[in-house]
Amino acid sequence: MGIEADDCIVVEDSARGSTSVIWAGLRCVVAPNMLTKHGEFSGMQGC
Protein backbone atom coordinates (compact mmCIF):
# COMPACT_ATOMS: atom_id res chain seq x y z
CA MET A 1 0.00 0.00 0.00
CA GLY A 2 2.98 2.31 0.42
CA ILE A 3 1.84 3.69 3.78
CA GLU A 4 4.33 4.34 6.57
CA ALA A 5 3.73 2.59 9.92
CA ASP A 6 3.49 5.98 11.67
CA ASP A 7 0.54 6.86 9.43
CA CYS A 8 -1.44 3.68 10.20
CA ILE A 9 -3.92 2.70 12.88
CA VAL A 10 -5.23 -0.87 12.82
CA VAL A 11 -8.66 -1.77 14.22
CA GLU A 12 -8.57 -5.30 15.63
CA ASP A 13 -11.20 -7.41 17.39
CA SER A 14 -9.09 -10.10 19.06
CA ALA A 15 -6.22 -10.23 21.54
CA ARG A 16 -4.15 -12.44 19.24
CA GLY A 17 -4.65 -10.09 16.29
CA SER A 18 -3.85 -7.08 18.46
CA THR A 19 -0.62 -8.71 19.61
CA SER A 20 0.37 -9.31 15.99
CA VAL A 21 -0.32 -5.67 15.15
CA ILE A 22 1.85 -4.48 18.04
CA TRP A 23 4.68 -6.86 17.10
CA ALA A 24 4.51 -5.46 13.55
CA GLY A 25 5.19 -2.00 15.00
CA LEU A 26 1.77 -0.51 14.25
CA ARG A 27 -0.71 1.30 16.48
CA CYS A 28 -3.87 -0.57 17.36
CA VAL A 29 -7.43 0.16 18.44
CA VAL A 30 -9.21 -2.82 20.00
CA ALA A 31 -12.90 -3.19 19.12
CA PRO A 32 -14.07 -6.58 20.45
CA ASN A 33 -17.05 -8.24 18.80
CA MET A 34 -19.69 -10.60 20.21
CA LEU A 35 -17.29 -13.57 20.04
CA THR A 36 -14.19 -11.86 21.41
CA LYS A 37 -15.67 -9.44 23.96
CA HIS A 38 -14.82 -11.79 26.85
CA GLY A 39 -11.21 -12.20 25.73
CA GLU A 40 -8.22 -11.16 27.79
CA PHE A 41 -7.40 -7.62 26.71
CA SER A 42 -6.34 -6.18 30.09
CA GLY A 43 -2.62 -6.76 29.57
CA MET A 44 -2.45 -5.26 26.11
CA GLN A 45 0.40 -2.79 25.73
CA GLY A 46 0.31 -0.35 22.83
CA CYS A 47 -3.39 -0.59 22.11
PDB file of N, CA and C in Angstrom:
ATOM      1  N   MET A   1       0.814  -1.188   0.000  1.00  0.00           N
ATOM      2  CA  MET A   1       0.000   0.000   0.000  1.00  0.00           C
ATOM      3  C   MET A   1       0.859   1.255   0.000  1.00  0.00           C
ATOM      4  N   GLY A   2       2.099   1.151   0.423  1.00  0.00           N
ATOM      5  CA  GLY A   2       2.975   2.307   0.418  1.00  0.00           C
ATOM      6  C   GLY A   2       2.727   3.287   1.548  1.00  0.00           C
ATOM      7  N   ILE A   3       2.153   2.822   2.644  1.00  0.00           N
ATOM      8  CA  ILE A   3       1.841   3.686   3.781  1.00  0.00           C
ATOM      9  C   ILE A   3       2.849   3.412   4.896  1.00  0.00           C
ATOM     10  N   GLU A   4       3.387   4.470   5.467  1.00  0.00           N
ATOM     11  CA  GLU A   4       4.333   4.336   6.572  1.00  0.00           C
ATOM     12  C   GLU A   4       3.609   3.870   7.839  1.00  0.00           C
ATOM     13  N   ALA A   5       4.317   3.109   8.676  1.00  0.00           N
ATOM     14  CA  ALA A   5       3.726   2.592   9.917  1.00  0.00           C
ATOM     15  C   ALA A   5       3.222   3.715  10.817  1.00  0.00           C
ATOM     16  N   ASP A   6       3.915   4.843  10.833  1.00  0.00           N
ATOM     17  CA  ASP A   6       3.492   5.975  11.673  1.00  0.00           C
ATOM     18  C   ASP A   6       2.178   6.593  11.212  1.00  0.00           C
ATOM     19  N   ASP A   7       1.779   6.312   9.981  1.00  0.00           N
ATOM     20  CA  ASP A   7       0.540   6.861   9.428  1.00  0.00           C
ATOM     21  C   ASP A   7      -0.624   5.880   9.502  1.00  0.00           C
ATOM     22  N   CYS A   8      -0.418   4.733  10.160  1.00  0.00           N
ATOM     23  CA  CYS A   8      -1.441   3.679  10.205  1.00  0.00           C
ATOM     24  C   CYS A   8      -2.000   3.493  11.610  1.00  0.00           C
ATOM     25  N   ILE A   9      -3.267   3.171  11.661  1.00  0.00           N
ATOM     26  CA  ILE A   9      -3.918   2.697  12.879  1.00  0.00           C
ATOM     27  C   ILE A   9      -4.744   1.486  12.466  1.00  0.00           C
ATOM     28  N   VAL A  10      -4.523   0.369  13.136  1.00  0.00           N
ATOM     29  CA  VAL A  10      -5.231  -0.867  12.824  1.00  0.00           C
ATOM     30  C   VAL A  10      -6.359  -1.059  13.828  1.00  0.00           C
ATOM     31  N   VAL A  11      -7.538  -1.418  13.352  1.00  0.00           N
ATOM     32  CA  VAL A  11      -8.662  -1.768  14.220  1.00  0.00           C
ATOM     33  C   VAL A  11      -8.726  -3.287  14.260  1.00  0.00           C
ATOM     34  N   GLU A  12      -8.627  -3.843  15.459  1.00  0.00           N
ATOM     35  CA  GLU A  12      -8.573  -5.297  15.626  1.00  0.00           C
ATOM     36  C   GLU A  12      -9.611  -5.722  16.653  1.00  0.00           C
ATOM     37  N   ASP A  13     -10.148  -6.944  16.486  1.00  0.00           N
ATOM     38  CA  ASP A  13     -11.203  -7.410  17.389  1.00  0.00           C
ATOM     39  C   ASP A  13     -10.790  -8.583  18.268  1.00  0.00           C
ATOM     40  N   SER A  14      -9.518  -8.981  18.220  1.00  0.00           N
ATOM     41  CA  SER A  14      -9.090 -10.102  19.055  1.00  0.00           C
ATOM     42  C   SER A  14      -7.745  -9.795  19.706  1.00  0.00           C
ATOM     43  N   ALA A  15      -7.491 -10.431  20.837  1.00  0.00           N
ATOM     44  CA  ALA A  15      -6.224 -10.235  21.540  1.00  0.00           C
ATOM     45  C   ALA A  15      -5.062 -10.747  20.698  1.00  0.00           C
ATOM     46  N   ARG A  16      -5.215 -11.880  20.065  1.00  0.00           N
ATOM     47  CA  ARG A  16      -4.147 -12.443  19.236  1.00  0.00           C
ATOM     48  C   ARG A  16      -3.827 -11.524  18.061  1.00  0.00           C
ATOM     49  N   GLY A  17      -4.857 -11.022  17.402  1.00  0.00           N
ATOM     50  CA  GLY A  17      -4.648 -10.095  16.292  1.00  0.00           C
ATOM     51  C   GLY A  17      -4.001  -8.808  16.757  1.00  0.00           C
ATOM     52  N   SER A  18      -4.425  -8.311  17.909  1.00  0.00           N
ATOM     53  CA  SER A  18      -3.850  -7.085  18.458  1.00  0.00           C
ATOM     54  C   SER A  18      -2.374  -7.271  18.780  1.00  0.00           C
ATOM     55  N   THR A  19      -2.023  -8.419  19.324  1.00  0.00           N
ATOM     56  CA  THR A  19      -0.622  -8.713  19.615  1.00  0.00           C
ATOM     57  C   THR A  19       0.198  -8.712  18.331  1.00  0.00           C
ATOM     58  N   SER A  20      -0.326  -9.286  17.276  1.00  0.00           N
ATOM     59  CA  SER A  20       0.368  -9.305  15.988  1.00  0.00           C
ATOM     60  C   SER A  20       0.584  -7.899  15.452  1.00  0.00           C
ATOM     61  N   VAL A  21      -0.426  -7.058  15.601  1.00  0.00           N
ATOM     62  CA  VAL A  21      -0.324  -5.668  15.148  1.00  0.00           C
ATOM     63  C   VAL A  21       0.789  -4.950  15.908  1.00  0.00           C
ATOM     64  N   ILE A  22       0.824  -5.127  17.218  1.00  0.00           N
ATOM     65  CA  ILE A  22       1.848  -4.482  18.042  1.00  0.00           C
ATOM     66  C   ILE A  22       3.234  -4.985  17.660  1.00  0.00           C
ATOM     67  N   TRP A  23       3.386  -6.293  17.482  1.00  0.00           N
ATOM     68  CA  TRP A  23       4.680  -6.862  17.096  1.00  0.00           C
ATOM     69  C   TRP A  23       5.130  -6.351  15.730  1.00  0.00           C
ATOM     70  N   ALA A  24       4.180  -6.003  14.877  1.00  0.00           N
ATOM     71  CA  ALA A  24       4.511  -5.458  13.555  1.00  0.00           C
ATOM     72  C   ALA A  24       4.910  -3.987  13.635  1.00  0.00           C
ATOM     73  N   GLY A  25       4.780  -3.383  14.814  1.00  0.00           N
ATOM     74  CA  GLY A  25       5.185  -2.001  14.996  1.00  0.00           C
ATOM     75  C   GLY A  25       4.127  -0.980  14.634  1.00  0.00           C
ATOM     76  N   LEU A  26       2.869  -1.408  14.601  1.00  0.00           N
ATOM     77  CA  LEU A  26       1.773  -0.510  14.254  1.00  0.00           C
ATOM     78  C   LEU A  26       0.969  -0.149  15.494  1.00  0.00           C
ATOM     79  N   ARG A  27       0.206   0.925  15.403  1.00  0.00           N
ATOM     80  CA  ARG A  27      -0.710   1.304  16.480  1.00  0.00           C
ATOM     81  C   ARG A  27      -2.020   0.554  16.290  1.00  0.00           C
ATOM     82  N   CYS A  28      -2.697   0.298  17.405  1.00  0.00           N
ATOM     83  CA  CYS A  28      -3.869  -0.566  17.360  1.00  0.00           C
ATOM     84  C   CYS A  28      -5.004  -0.015  18.217  1.00  0.00           C
ATOM     85  N   VAL A  29      -6.209  -0.115  17.692  1.00  0.00           N
ATOM     86  CA  VAL A  29      -7.430   0.161  18.441  1.00  0.00           C
ATOM     87  C   VAL A  29      -8.166  -1.166  18.562  1.00  0.00           C
ATOM     88  N   VAL A  30      -8.512  -1.556  19.781  1.00  0.00           N
ATOM     89  CA  VAL A  30      -9.214  -2.819  19.996  1.00  0.00           C
ATOM     90  C   VAL A  30     -10.713  -2.555  20.025  1.00  0.00           C
ATOM     91  N   ALA A  31     -11.442  -3.289  19.189  1.00  0.00           N
ATOM     92  CA  ALA A  31     -12.902  -3.191  19.124  1.00  0.00           C
ATOM     93  C   ALA A  31     -13.463  -4.607  19.151  1.00  0.00           C
ATOM     94  N   PRO A  32     -13.584  -5.206  20.349  1.00  0.00           N
ATOM     95  CA  PRO A  32     -14.070  -6.581  20.453  1.00  0.00           C
ATOM     96  C   PRO A  32     -15.466  -6.736  19.849  1.00  0.00           C
ATOM     97  N   ASN A  33     -15.722  -7.929  19.339  1.00  0.00           N
ATOM     98  CA  ASN A  33     -17.049  -8.239  18.801  1.00  0.00           C
ATOM     99  C   ASN A  33     -17.762  -9.204  19.748  1.00  0.00           C
ATOM    100  N   MET A  34     -18.902  -9.710  19.345  1.00  0.00           N
ATOM    101  CA  MET A  34     -19.692 -10.600  20.208  1.00  0.00           C
ATOM    102  C   MET A  34     -18.930 -11.869  20.597  1.00  0.00           C
ATOM    103  N   LEU A  35     -18.043 -12.354  19.735  1.00  0.00           N
ATOM    104  CA  LEU A  35     -17.294 -13.572  20.036  1.00  0.00           C
ATOM    105  C   LEU A  35     -16.049 -13.311  20.870  1.00  0.00           C
ATOM    106  N   THR A  36     -15.452 -12.126  20.728  1.00  0.00           N
ATOM    107  CA  THR A  36     -14.185 -11.855  21.409  1.00  0.00           C
ATOM    108  C   THR A  36     -14.312 -10.909  22.600  1.00  0.00           C
ATOM    109  N   LYS A  37     -15.514 -10.453  22.910  1.00  0.00           N
ATOM    110  CA  LYS A  37     -15.674  -9.444  23.962  1.00  0.00           C
ATOM    111  C   LYS A  37     -15.278  -9.943  25.353  1.00  0.00           C
ATOM    112  N   HIS A  38     -15.215 -11.249  25.551  1.00  0.00           N
ATOM    113  CA  HIS A  38     -14.822 -11.789  26.849  1.00  0.00           C
ATOM    114  C   HIS A  38     -13.358 -12.212  26.862  1.00  0.00           C
ATOM    115  N   GLY A  39     -12.622 -11.862  25.810  1.00  0.00           N
ATOM    116  CA  GLY A  39     -11.205 -12.204  25.727  1.00  0.00           C
ATOM    117  C   GLY A  39     -10.374 -11.410  26.717  1.00  0.00           C
ATOM    118  N   GLU A  40      -9.137 -11.808  26.855  1.00  0.00           N
ATOM    119  CA  GLU A  40      -8.224 -11.162  27.794  1.00  0.00           C
ATOM    120  C   GLU A  40      -7.501 -10.013  27.099  1.00  0.00           C
ATOM    121  N   PHE A  41      -7.999  -8.805  27.297  1.00  0.00           N
ATOM    122  CA  PHE A  41      -7.403  -7.615  26.707  1.00  0.00           C
ATOM    123  C   PHE A  41      -6.705  -6.751  27.753  1.00  0.00           C
ATOM    124  N   SER A  42      -6.823  -7.071  29.023  1.00  0.00           N
ATOM    125  CA  SER A  42      -6.342  -6.183  30.087  1.00  0.00           C
ATOM    126  C   SER A  42      -4.836  -5.955  30.054  1.00  0.00           C
ATOM    127  N   GLY A  43      -4.070  -6.912  29.590  1.00  0.00           N
ATOM    128  CA  GLY A  43      -2.617  -6.764  29.573  1.00  0.00           C
ATOM    129  C   GLY A  43      -2.059  -6.199  28.291  1.00  0.00           C
ATOM    130  N   MET A  44      -2.914  -5.746  27.408  1.00  0.00           N
ATOM    131  CA  MET A  44      -2.455  -5.264  26.110  1.00  0.00           C
ATOM    132  C   MET A  44      -1.647  -3.982  26.282  1.00  0.00           C
ATOM    133  N   GLN A  45      -0.462  -3.972  25.725  1.00  0.00           N
ATOM    134  CA  GLN A  45       0.396  -2.789  25.730  1.00  0.00           C
ATOM    135  C   GLN A  45       0.455  -2.244  24.310  1.00  0.00           C
ATOM    136  N   GLY A  46       0.222  -0.973  24.146  1.00  0.00           N
ATOM    137  CA  GLY A  46       0.314  -0.354  22.828  1.00  0.00           C
ATOM    138  C   GLY A  46      -1.005  -0.238  22.117  1.00  0.00           C
ATOM    139  N   CYS A  47      -2.065  -0.690  22.743  1.00  0.00           N
ATOM    140  CA  CYS A  47      -3.388  -0.591  22.114  1.00  0.00           C
ATOM    141  C   CYS A  47      -4.209   0.439  22.840  1.00  0.00           C
TER     142      CYS A  47
END
